[in-house]
C-alpha cells in the first residue's frame, strides 16, 4: 500500500473499527478523520444470500462515503471469502 501525499508525512492517523455486522450506519457520521480506515472484520450479517449481497453493496457504499484516502477491510469469520468493493475501492485482505 503506497502512500502518496504531497505533504510531508510525520504521522499516520488510523481509524479502526470492527464487527459492524451491517450496522455501520449507526456509527457517528462521518467517522473521525484519518489517513487510513481499517475495518478489522465482520462487516457482513447473516440472512438469505440475496440480503447478504445487498448488505455487501450497502457496506461498500458506506465505505465510499467515508473521508479516508485509503480503506482496508480485513476478512472476519462472518465475511465472504471474496468481494471487490467497486464503489469504495477498499483493499480486501482475506489471508494472513
N, C-alpha and C. Protein backbone atom coordinates (compact mmCIF):
# COMPACT_ATOMS: atom_id res chain seq x y z
N UNK A 1 0.86 -1.18 0.00
CA UNK A 1 0.00 0.00 0.00
C UNK A 1 0.89 1.23 0.00
N UNK A 2 1.04 1.84 -1.12
CA UNK A 2 1.88 3.03 -1.23
C UNK A 2 1.08 4.25 -0.80
N UNK A 3 1.68 5.08 0.03
CA UNK A 3 1.02 6.29 0.48
C UNK A 3 1.60 7.46 -0.28
N UNK A 4 0.82 8.02 -1.18
CA UNK A 4 1.27 9.15 -1.97
C UNK A 4 0.50 10.38 -1.54
N UNK A 5 1.22 11.30 -0.95
CA UNK A 5 0.60 12.53 -0.48
C UNK A 5 1.63 13.64 -0.63
N UNK A 6 1.18 14.82 -0.99
CA UNK A 6 2.11 15.92 -1.23
C UNK A 6 2.67 16.50 0.06
N UNK A 7 2.00 16.31 1.18
CA UNK A 7 2.52 16.82 2.45
C UNK A 7 3.57 15.86 3.01
N UNK A 8 4.43 16.37 3.81
CA UNK A 8 5.43 15.54 4.46
C UNK A 8 4.73 14.70 5.52
N UNK A 9 4.92 13.42 5.47
CA UNK A 9 4.25 12.51 6.38
C UNK A 9 5.03 12.41 7.68
N UNK A 10 4.52 13.05 8.71
CA UNK A 10 5.14 12.99 10.04
C UNK A 10 4.40 12.03 10.95
N UNK A 11 3.17 11.76 10.60
CA UNK A 11 2.38 10.80 11.37
C UNK A 11 1.38 10.13 10.43
N UNK A 12 0.89 9.02 10.87
CA UNK A 12 -0.10 8.27 10.10
C UNK A 12 -1.29 8.05 11.03
N UNK A 13 -2.42 8.62 10.67
CA UNK A 13 -3.62 8.51 11.51
C UNK A 13 -4.50 7.38 11.01
N UNK A 14 -4.70 6.38 11.88
CA UNK A 14 -5.53 5.23 11.57
C UNK A 14 -6.86 5.35 12.30
N UNK A 15 -7.93 5.02 11.61
CA UNK A 15 -9.24 4.90 12.23
C UNK A 15 -9.59 3.42 12.13
N UNK A 16 -9.85 2.78 13.27
CA UNK A 16 -10.04 1.34 13.32
C UNK A 16 -11.44 1.02 13.85
N UNK A 17 -12.17 0.19 13.09
CA UNK A 17 -13.49 -0.29 13.52
C UNK A 17 -13.57 -1.78 13.22
N UNK A 18 -14.55 -2.44 13.80
CA UNK A 18 -14.76 -3.87 13.51
C UNK A 18 -16.16 -4.28 13.93
N UNK A 19 -16.53 -5.48 13.54
CA UNK A 19 -17.77 -6.11 13.99
C UNK A 19 -19.01 -5.24 13.81
N UNK A 20 -19.12 -4.62 12.65
CA UNK A 20 -20.30 -3.78 12.41
C UNK A 20 -21.53 -4.59 12.00
N UNK A 21 -21.35 -5.75 11.38
CA UNK A 21 -22.44 -6.68 11.04
C UNK A 21 -23.65 -6.00 10.41
N UNK A 22 -23.39 -5.05 9.49
CA UNK A 22 -24.48 -4.38 8.80
C UNK A 22 -25.02 -3.16 9.53
N UNK A 23 -24.47 -2.83 10.69
CA UNK A 23 -24.96 -1.69 11.48
C UNK A 23 -24.00 -0.50 11.44
N UNK A 24 -23.12 -0.44 10.42
CA UNK A 24 -22.15 0.66 10.35
C UNK A 24 -22.81 2.03 10.27
N UNK A 25 -24.03 2.08 9.76
CA UNK A 25 -24.76 3.34 9.69
C UNK A 25 -25.09 3.92 11.05
N UNK A 26 -25.00 3.13 12.09
CA UNK A 26 -25.29 3.62 13.44
C UNK A 26 -24.07 4.26 14.10
N UNK A 27 -22.90 4.16 13.45
CA UNK A 27 -21.72 4.83 13.97
C UNK A 27 -21.84 6.33 13.71
N UNK A 28 -21.10 7.13 14.45
CA UNK A 28 -21.12 8.56 14.21
C UNK A 28 -20.69 8.84 12.78
N UNK A 29 -21.35 9.78 12.15
CA UNK A 29 -21.08 10.09 10.74
C UNK A 29 -20.66 11.53 10.59
N UNK A 30 -19.64 11.82 9.82
CA UNK A 30 -18.69 10.83 9.30
C UNK A 30 -17.80 10.32 10.43
N UNK A 31 -17.08 9.26 10.14
CA UNK A 31 -16.12 8.75 11.11
C UNK A 31 -15.04 9.79 11.34
N UNK A 32 -14.28 9.67 12.43
CA UNK A 32 -13.18 10.62 12.64
C UNK A 32 -12.22 10.64 11.45
N UNK A 33 -11.63 11.77 11.21
CA UNK A 33 -10.68 11.92 10.11
C UNK A 33 -9.45 11.05 10.36
N UNK A 34 -8.82 10.65 9.29
CA UNK A 34 -7.59 9.87 9.38
C UNK A 34 -7.09 9.57 7.98
N UNK A 35 -5.88 9.04 7.91
CA UNK A 35 -5.30 8.70 6.63
C UNK A 35 -5.83 7.36 6.11
N UNK A 36 -6.00 6.40 7.02
CA UNK A 36 -6.43 5.05 6.64
C UNK A 36 -7.57 4.61 7.54
N UNK A 37 -8.61 4.06 6.93
CA UNK A 37 -9.70 3.43 7.66
C UNK A 37 -9.49 1.92 7.60
N UNK A 38 -9.36 1.30 8.76
CA UNK A 38 -9.22 -0.16 8.85
C UNK A 38 -10.49 -0.75 9.43
N UNK A 39 -11.09 -1.69 8.72
CA UNK A 39 -12.22 -2.44 9.28
C UNK A 39 -11.68 -3.84 9.54
N UNK A 40 -11.61 -4.21 10.81
CA UNK A 40 -10.94 -5.45 11.19
C UNK A 40 -11.91 -6.62 11.33
N UNK A 41 -12.75 -6.78 10.34
CA UNK A 41 -13.56 -7.99 10.23
C UNK A 41 -14.98 -7.90 10.71
N UNK A 42 -15.78 -8.79 10.13
CA UNK A 42 -17.19 -8.98 10.45
C UNK A 42 -18.05 -7.76 10.10
N UNK A 43 -18.00 -7.40 8.81
CA UNK A 43 -18.91 -6.37 8.31
C UNK A 43 -20.23 -7.00 7.86
N UNK A 44 -20.23 -8.28 7.53
CA UNK A 44 -21.41 -8.95 6.99
C UNK A 44 -22.39 -9.35 8.08
N UNK A 45 -23.63 -9.49 7.68
CA UNK A 45 -24.66 -10.03 8.58
C UNK A 45 -25.25 -11.27 7.93
N UNK A 46 -25.82 -12.11 8.75
CA UNK A 46 -26.37 -13.37 8.23
C UNK A 46 -27.81 -13.18 7.79
N UNK A 47 -28.16 -13.85 6.72
CA UNK A 47 -29.50 -13.79 6.16
C UNK A 47 -29.52 -14.60 4.89
N UNK A 48 -30.51 -14.33 4.05
CA UNK A 48 -30.56 -15.01 2.75
C UNK A 48 -29.39 -14.54 1.90
N UNK A 49 -29.05 -15.30 0.89
CA UNK A 49 -27.95 -14.93 0.01
C UNK A 49 -28.22 -13.56 -0.61
N UNK A 50 -29.45 -13.34 -1.04
CA UNK A 50 -29.81 -12.06 -1.66
C UNK A 50 -29.64 -10.90 -0.68
N UNK A 51 -30.10 -11.06 0.56
CA UNK A 51 -29.97 -9.98 1.53
C UNK A 51 -28.51 -9.75 1.93
N UNK A 52 -27.73 -10.82 1.96
CA UNK A 52 -26.31 -10.67 2.27
C UNK A 52 -25.61 -9.84 1.18
N UNK A 53 -25.89 -10.13 -0.09
CA UNK A 53 -25.24 -9.38 -1.16
C UNK A 53 -25.71 -7.92 -1.19
N UNK A 54 -26.96 -7.67 -0.85
CA UNK A 54 -27.43 -6.28 -0.73
C UNK A 54 -26.67 -5.60 0.41
N UNK A 55 -26.43 -6.33 1.49
CA UNK A 55 -25.67 -5.79 2.61
C UNK A 55 -24.23 -5.48 2.24
N UNK A 56 -23.60 -6.34 1.42
CA UNK A 56 -22.22 -6.09 0.97
C UNK A 56 -22.18 -4.79 0.17
N UNK A 57 -23.15 -4.63 -0.74
CA UNK A 57 -23.19 -3.42 -1.57
C UNK A 57 -23.44 -2.18 -0.72
N UNK A 58 -24.30 -2.29 0.28
CA UNK A 58 -24.57 -1.15 1.18
C UNK A 58 -23.32 -0.80 1.98
N UNK A 59 -22.59 -1.81 2.45
CA UNK A 59 -21.35 -1.57 3.19
C UNK A 59 -20.32 -0.88 2.29
N UNK A 60 -20.21 -1.32 1.05
CA UNK A 60 -19.28 -0.71 0.10
C UNK A 60 -19.64 0.76 -0.13
N UNK A 61 -20.92 1.05 -0.29
CA UNK A 61 -21.36 2.43 -0.48
C UNK A 61 -21.07 3.27 0.76
N UNK A 62 -21.29 2.71 1.94
CA UNK A 62 -20.99 3.41 3.19
C UNK A 62 -19.48 3.70 3.27
N UNK A 63 -18.65 2.71 2.92
CA UNK A 63 -17.19 2.94 2.91
C UNK A 63 -16.83 4.07 1.96
N UNK A 64 -17.44 4.09 0.78
CA UNK A 64 -17.13 5.11 -0.22
C UNK A 64 -17.43 6.51 0.28
N UNK A 65 -18.39 6.65 1.18
CA UNK A 65 -18.75 7.97 1.73
C UNK A 65 -17.80 8.43 2.84
N UNK A 66 -16.93 7.58 3.30
CA UNK A 66 -16.01 7.94 4.38
C UNK A 66 -14.85 8.76 3.82
N UNK A 67 -14.32 9.69 4.63
CA UNK A 67 -13.35 10.66 4.11
C UNK A 67 -11.91 10.17 3.98
N UNK A 68 -11.63 8.94 4.29
CA UNK A 68 -10.25 8.45 4.33
C UNK A 68 -9.71 8.16 2.93
N UNK A 69 -8.42 8.50 2.73
CA UNK A 69 -7.79 8.27 1.43
C UNK A 69 -7.69 6.79 1.11
N UNK A 70 -7.45 5.98 2.13
CA UNK A 70 -7.28 4.54 1.94
C UNK A 70 -8.22 3.79 2.88
N UNK A 71 -8.78 2.71 2.36
CA UNK A 71 -9.69 1.87 3.15
C UNK A 71 -9.24 0.43 3.01
N UNK A 72 -9.07 -0.23 4.16
CA UNK A 72 -8.63 -1.62 4.17
C UNK A 72 -9.64 -2.41 5.00
N UNK A 73 -10.16 -3.48 4.43
CA UNK A 73 -11.10 -4.35 5.12
C UNK A 73 -10.44 -5.71 5.28
N UNK A 74 -10.33 -6.16 6.52
CA UNK A 74 -9.77 -7.48 6.81
C UNK A 74 -10.93 -8.44 7.00
N UNK A 75 -10.88 -9.58 6.32
CA UNK A 75 -11.96 -10.55 6.39
C UNK A 75 -12.11 -11.11 7.80
N UNK A 76 -13.34 -11.11 8.30
CA UNK A 76 -13.67 -11.75 9.57
C UNK A 76 -14.33 -13.09 9.32
N UNK A 77 -14.58 -13.83 10.37
CA UNK A 77 -15.14 -15.17 10.22
C UNK A 77 -16.57 -15.19 9.67
N UNK A 78 -17.27 -14.06 9.67
CA UNK A 78 -18.63 -14.00 9.11
C UNK A 78 -18.65 -13.40 7.71
N UNK A 79 -17.50 -13.00 7.20
CA UNK A 79 -17.43 -12.28 5.93
C UNK A 79 -17.17 -13.22 4.75
N UNK A 80 -17.51 -12.76 3.53
CA UNK A 80 -17.29 -13.60 2.35
C UNK A 80 -15.80 -13.77 2.07
N UNK A 81 -15.47 -14.85 1.38
CA UNK A 81 -14.08 -15.13 1.02
C UNK A 81 -13.56 -14.15 -0.03
N UNK A 82 -14.45 -13.61 -0.83
CA UNK A 82 -14.04 -12.68 -1.88
C UNK A 82 -15.11 -11.61 -2.07
N UNK A 83 -14.68 -10.39 -2.28
CA UNK A 83 -15.57 -9.28 -2.63
C UNK A 83 -14.70 -8.16 -3.18
N UNK A 84 -15.19 -7.43 -4.18
CA UNK A 84 -14.36 -6.44 -4.88
C UNK A 84 -14.45 -5.01 -4.37
N UNK A 85 -15.51 -4.62 -3.67
CA UNK A 85 -15.70 -3.24 -3.20
C UNK A 85 -15.55 -2.24 -4.36
N UNK A 86 -16.43 -2.30 -5.35
CA UNK A 86 -16.28 -1.46 -6.55
C UNK A 86 -16.47 0.03 -6.30
N UNK A 87 -17.30 0.42 -5.36
CA UNK A 87 -17.55 1.85 -5.10
C UNK A 87 -16.43 2.48 -4.28
N UNK A 88 -16.03 1.83 -3.20
CA UNK A 88 -15.05 2.41 -2.28
C UNK A 88 -13.61 2.12 -2.68
N UNK A 89 -13.42 1.11 -3.52
CA UNK A 89 -12.07 0.67 -3.91
C UNK A 89 -11.26 0.20 -2.71
N UNK A 90 -11.94 -0.29 -1.69
CA UNK A 90 -11.24 -0.77 -0.49
C UNK A 90 -10.41 -2.00 -0.82
N UNK A 91 -9.27 -2.12 -0.16
CA UNK A 91 -8.45 -3.32 -0.27
C UNK A 91 -9.05 -4.35 0.68
N UNK A 92 -9.28 -5.56 0.17
CA UNK A 92 -9.87 -6.62 0.98
C UNK A 92 -8.81 -7.67 1.27
N UNK A 93 -8.46 -7.83 2.52
CA UNK A 93 -7.43 -8.76 2.95
C UNK A 93 -8.11 -10.02 3.47
N UNK A 94 -7.87 -11.14 2.78
CA UNK A 94 -8.55 -12.38 3.16
C UNK A 94 -7.61 -13.45 3.69
N UNK A 95 -6.31 -13.21 3.59
CA UNK A 95 -5.32 -14.18 4.08
C UNK A 95 -4.34 -13.47 5.01
N UNK A 96 -3.83 -14.20 6.00
CA UNK A 96 -2.86 -13.57 6.91
C UNK A 96 -1.58 -13.18 6.20
